[in-house]
Protein backbone atom coordinates (compact mmCIF):
# COMPACT_ATOMS: atom_id res chain seq x y z
CA MET A 1 0.00 0.00 0.00
CA GLN A 2 2.83 2.39 0.80
CA ALA A 3 4.60 1.65 -2.49
CA ILE A 4 1.44 2.18 -4.55
CA SER A 5 0.57 5.40 -2.73
CA LYS A 6 3.91 7.01 -3.59
CA ASP A 7 4.38 9.14 -6.68
CA ASN A 8 6.95 8.37 -9.35
CA LEU A 9 10.33 7.80 -7.73
CA SER A 10 13.64 9.19 -8.85
CA GLU A 11 16.09 6.74 -10.39
CA ARG A 12 18.19 6.64 -7.23
CA ARG A 13 15.21 6.01 -4.95
CA ASN A 14 13.79 3.46 -7.37
CA VAL A 15 16.99 1.40 -7.24
CA ARG A 16 16.89 1.53 -3.42
CA SER A 17 13.22 0.61 -3.09
CA ALA A 18 12.26 -2.86 -1.90
CA ALA A 19 10.72 -5.24 -4.49
CA ARG A 20 10.77 -2.42 -7.03
CA ARG A 21 9.64 -4.66 -9.92
CA TRP A 22 6.26 -5.38 -8.33
CA ALA A 23 5.92 -1.87 -6.97
CA ASN A 24 6.53 -0.39 -10.43
CA LEU A 25 3.96 -2.73 -11.98
CA ALA A 26 1.40 -1.75 -9.35
CA ARG A 27 2.06 1.97 -9.82
CA SER A 28 1.71 1.59 -13.59
CA ALA A 29 -1.64 -0.15 -13.15
CA VAL A 30 -2.83 2.64 -10.86
CA ARG A 31 -1.80 5.34 -13.34
CA GLU A 32 -3.61 3.59 -16.21
CA ARG A 33 -6.85 3.23 -14.26
CA LYS A 34 -9.42 5.82 -15.35
CA ALA A 35 -11.88 5.50 -12.46
CA ASP A 36 -11.27 6.88 -9.00
CA LEU A 37 -9.18 4.62 -6.80
CA GLN A 38 -9.13 4.46 -3.02
CA ILE A 39 -6.62 2.18 -1.30
CA ILE A 40 -7.64 0.78 2.08
CA HIS A 41 -6.38 -2.06 4.26
CA VAL A 42 -8.77 -4.97 4.83
CA ARG A 43 -7.75 -7.57 7.39
CA SER A 44 -7.90 -11.09 6.00
CA HIS A 45 -9.56 -14.14 7.55
CA GLN A 46 -12.15 -12.02 9.34
CA GLY A 47 -15.24 -13.54 7.73
CA GLN A 48 -17.32 -12.35 4.79
CA GLU A 49 -19.86 -10.08 6.41
CA SER A 50 -18.91 -6.64 5.11
CA PHE A 51 -18.60 -5.55 1.49
CA GLU A 52 -14.84 -5.09 1.91
CA GLN A 53 -14.38 -8.58 3.37
CA LYS A 54 -16.34 -10.17 0.50
CA GLY A 55 -14.24 -8.24 -2.01
CA ASN A 56 -11.04 -9.27 -0.26
CA ASP A 57 -12.04 -12.94 -0.43
CA LEU A 58 -12.91 -12.60 -4.12
CA VAL A 59 -9.56 -11.00 -4.91
CA ASP A 60 -7.74 -13.81 -3.09
CA ARG A 61 -9.55 -16.44 -5.18
CA LEU A 62 -8.88 -14.58 -8.44
CA ALA A 63 -5.20 -14.18 -7.57
CA ASN A 64 -4.94 -17.88 -6.81
CA LEU A 65 -6.56 -18.78 -10.16
CA GLU A 66 -4.10 -16.59 -12.03
CA ARG A 67 -1.23 -18.18 -10.12
CA LEU A 68 -2.36 -21.65 -11.20
CA LYS A 69 -2.56 -20.57 -14.85
CA VAL A 70 1.11 -19.64 -15.08
CA GLU A 71 2.63 -22.40 -12.93
CA ASP A 72 3.82 -24.29 -16.02
CA ASP A 73 4.96 -21.21 -17.94
CA GLN A 74 8.57 -20.23 -18.47
CA PRO A 75 10.07 -17.83 -15.90
CA LYS A 76 9.30 -14.19 -16.59
CA PRO A 77 12.12 -11.63 -16.87
CA TYR A 78 12.93 -9.95 -13.57
CA PHE A 79 13.30 -6.45 -14.97
CA THR A 80 10.32 -4.56 -16.35
CA GLU A 81 10.43 -2.26 -19.34
CA GLY A 82 12.29 0.92 -18.49
CA ASP A 83 13.63 -0.48 -15.21
CA VAL A 84 17.25 0.02 -14.18
CA ASN A 85 19.09 -3.26 -14.79
CA ILE A 86 20.85 -3.30 -11.44
CA LEU A 87 20.80 -6.03 -8.81
CA LEU A 88 22.60 -5.72 -5.49
CA LYS A 89 23.96 -8.95 -4.04
CA TYR A 90 25.60 -9.90 -0.78
CA ARG A 91 27.17 -13.36 -0.70
CA ASP A 92 24.97 -14.59 -3.57
CA ILE A 93 21.85 -13.21 -1.87
CA ILE A 94 19.87 -10.55 -3.75
CA VAL A 95 19.24 -7.53 -1.51
CA GLN A 96 15.49 -6.92 -1.66
CA GLN A 97 15.28 -4.06 0.84
CA ASP A 98 16.77 -0.58 0.92
CA PRO A 99 20.57 -1.10 0.57
CA ARG A 100 21.23 1.53 3.24
CA VAL A 101 19.12 -0.35 5.78
CA PHE A 102 20.73 -3.65 4.77
CA LEU A 103 24.28 -2.30 4.99
CA LYS A 104 23.52 -0.68 8.34
CA LYS A 105 22.45 -4.06 9.70
CA ILE A 106 25.64 -5.70 8.37
CA GLU A 107 27.68 -2.95 10.02
CA MET A 108 25.85 -3.34 13.34
CA ASP A 109 26.33 -7.13 13.30
CA ALA A 110 30.07 -6.74 12.59
CA MET A 111 30.47 -4.19 15.38
CA ALA A 112 28.52 -6.37 17.84
CA GLU A 113 30.66 -9.39 16.97
CA SER A 114 33.83 -7.35 17.51
CA TRP A 115 32.44 -6.15 20.85
CA ARG A 116 31.57 -9.70 21.96
CA SER A 117 35.14 -10.83 21.35
CA LEU A 118 36.43 -8.56 24.14
CA LYS A 119 36.89 -10.23 27.51
CA ARG A 120 35.97 -7.56 30.07
CA GLN A 121 34.26 -4.87 27.98
CA SER A 122 31.68 -7.36 26.66
CA LYS A 123 30.43 -8.62 30.03
CA THR A 124 27.39 -6.33 30.06
CA LEU A 125 26.60 -7.17 26.44
CA HIS A 126 26.69 -10.91 27.15
CA ARG A 127 24.46 -10.56 30.21
CA HIS A 128 21.90 -8.17 28.69
CA PRO A 129 22.27 -8.30 24.87
CA THR A 130 18.78 -7.10 23.95
CA SER A 131 18.25 -4.63 26.80
CA LEU A 132 21.63 -2.96 26.26
CA ILE A 133 20.99 -2.31 22.55
CA LYS A 134 17.52 -0.88 23.30
CA MET A 135 18.88 1.29 26.11
CA GLU A 136 21.70 2.54 23.88
CA LYS A 137 19.20 3.97 21.40
CA LYS A 138 17.15 5.63 24.14
CA VAL A 139 20.13 7.16 25.94
CA PHE A 140 21.61 8.49 22.70
CA ARG A 141 18.29 10.13 21.78
CA TRP A 142 17.85 11.60 25.24
CA ALA A 143 21.44 12.91 25.31
CA CYS A 144 20.93 14.64 21.94
CA GLN A 145 17.62 16.17 23.00
CA GLU A 146 19.05 17.43 26.29
CA ASN A 147 22.36 18.45 24.70
CA ASN A 148 24.01 16.48 27.50
CA GLY A 149 27.19 14.78 26.41
CA HIS A 150 27.93 13.59 29.95
CA MET A 151 24.82 11.38 29.85
CA TRP A 152 26.07 9.59 26.73
CA ALA A 153 29.67 9.39 27.99
CA TYR A 154 28.54 7.83 31.29
CA PHE A 155 26.46 5.22 29.48
CA VAL A 156 29.39 4.27 27.22
CA LEU A 157 31.78 3.96 30.17
CA ALA A 158 29.27 1.89 32.14
CA ALA A 159 28.50 -0.40 29.20
CA LEU A 160 32.21 -1.05 28.61
CA GLN A 161 33.02 -1.65 32.29
CA TRP A 162 35.20 1.48 32.26
CA LEU A 163 33.82 3.40 35.23
CA PRO A 164 36.60 4.23 37.75
CA THR A 165 35.89 1.44 40.24
CA LYS A 166 38.72 0.11 42.39
CA SER A 167 38.90 -2.99 40.24
CA ARG A 168 39.33 -0.84 37.14
CA LYS A 169 41.81 1.65 38.61
CA LEU A 170 44.02 -1.06 40.14
CA LYS A 171 43.81 -3.40 37.16
CA GLY A 172 47.00 -5.44 36.71
CA GLN A 173 48.42 -4.49 40.10
CA LYS A 174 48.79 -7.74 42.01
CA GLY A 175 48.19 -7.72 45.74
CA LYS A 176 46.21 -4.48 45.69
CA ASP A 177 43.01 -4.24 47.73
CA VAL A 178 40.03 -4.13 45.32
CA ILE A 179 37.37 -5.02 47.92
CA CYS A 180 34.43 -2.59 48.20
CA ARG A 181 34.76 -0.57 51.42
CA LEU A 182 31.28 0.94 51.23
CA CYS A 183 29.53 -2.26 52.31
CA LEU A 184 30.31 -5.37 54.35
CA ARG A 185 29.88 -7.95 51.61
CA LEU A 186 33.63 -8.22 50.94
CA GLN A 187 33.04 -8.27 47.19
CA GLU A 188 35.23 -6.88 44.44
CA ASP A 189 34.50 -3.24 43.66
CA ASN A 190 33.60 -3.62 39.99
CA MET A 191 30.67 -2.63 37.75
CA SER A 192 28.58 -5.67 38.66
CA HIS A 193 28.86 -4.87 42.37
CA LEU A 194 28.37 -1.14 41.82
CA LEU A 195 24.84 -1.76 40.54
CA VAL A 196 23.80 -3.82 43.59
CA CYS A 197 25.92 -2.41 46.41
CA PRO A 198 23.59 -1.89 49.42
CA ALA A 199 25.55 1.17 50.50
CA LEU A 200 24.46 2.91 47.29
CA GLU A 201 20.77 2.03 47.63
CA ASP A 202 19.73 5.70 48.01
CA SER A 203 21.74 6.63 44.91
CA HIS A 204 20.21 3.75 42.97
CA THR A 205 16.69 4.82 43.98
CA SER A 206 17.37 8.46 43.13
CA ALA A 207 18.84 7.57 39.74
CA TYR A 208 15.96 5.23 38.93
CA LYS A 209 13.39 7.88 39.89
CA SER A 210 15.17 10.53 37.79
CA LEU A 211 15.18 8.17 34.83
CA GLU A 212 11.48 7.40 35.27
CA ASP A 213 10.60 11.11 35.51
CA PHE A 214 12.67 11.90 32.42
CA ALA A 215 11.12 9.06 30.42
CA ARG A 216 7.61 10.08 31.52
CA GLY A 217 8.26 13.70 30.55
CA TYR A 218 9.70 12.65 27.20
CA HIS A 219 6.64 10.50 26.51
CA LEU A 220 4.23 13.34 27.38
CA ASP A 221 6.14 15.84 25.21
CA ARG A 222 5.90 13.67 22.09
CA PRO A 223 3.28 14.72 19.50
CA GLY A 224 -0.05 12.99 19.95
CA ASN A 225 0.32 12.49 23.72
């Protein structure tokens, strides 16, 4: 529906569009139609009570009949008349979506794999792979909106286990005391302990409340809320 609703695309955008062959055919059919055309979405498998549902069922049956007619035909050419004869491939796979989106995903996967190969800096990623990626997007957006670089820098340091804990500052120094002196648990003062240290309970509560208030305010400020 989105592809059909768009006007004629430039050559560059046409090459980048997903399934452009079928989208171009659909747009051509729309342009050639003389009568008024209104495109609406009708949910399938919802019965045949309304006029739209009956029409949707009829279209499904007609499409299936046409499919059966050409099952034994020779393959049709991929490119339509006037189309740009360009196909983008990645490891023998034809890229059907926007190349920019596809390449961005490849880049993100490569960066994540490089991050996972690190011993200490990847601990948070291994423990919370999905949550960390989601939080990264939120914190980056919030930092940009608030023009607060410290917010983003703190998140990066925390995610990479680089906050100045005793374990981090005394790394590689054998025999040094890296036990947390704020509580009585006798645990190593590292990022994992920092997030659960009972001596920092008030700070944890305050930080959590500030984050909740900020997120609530951001949600209320968005258009439509």
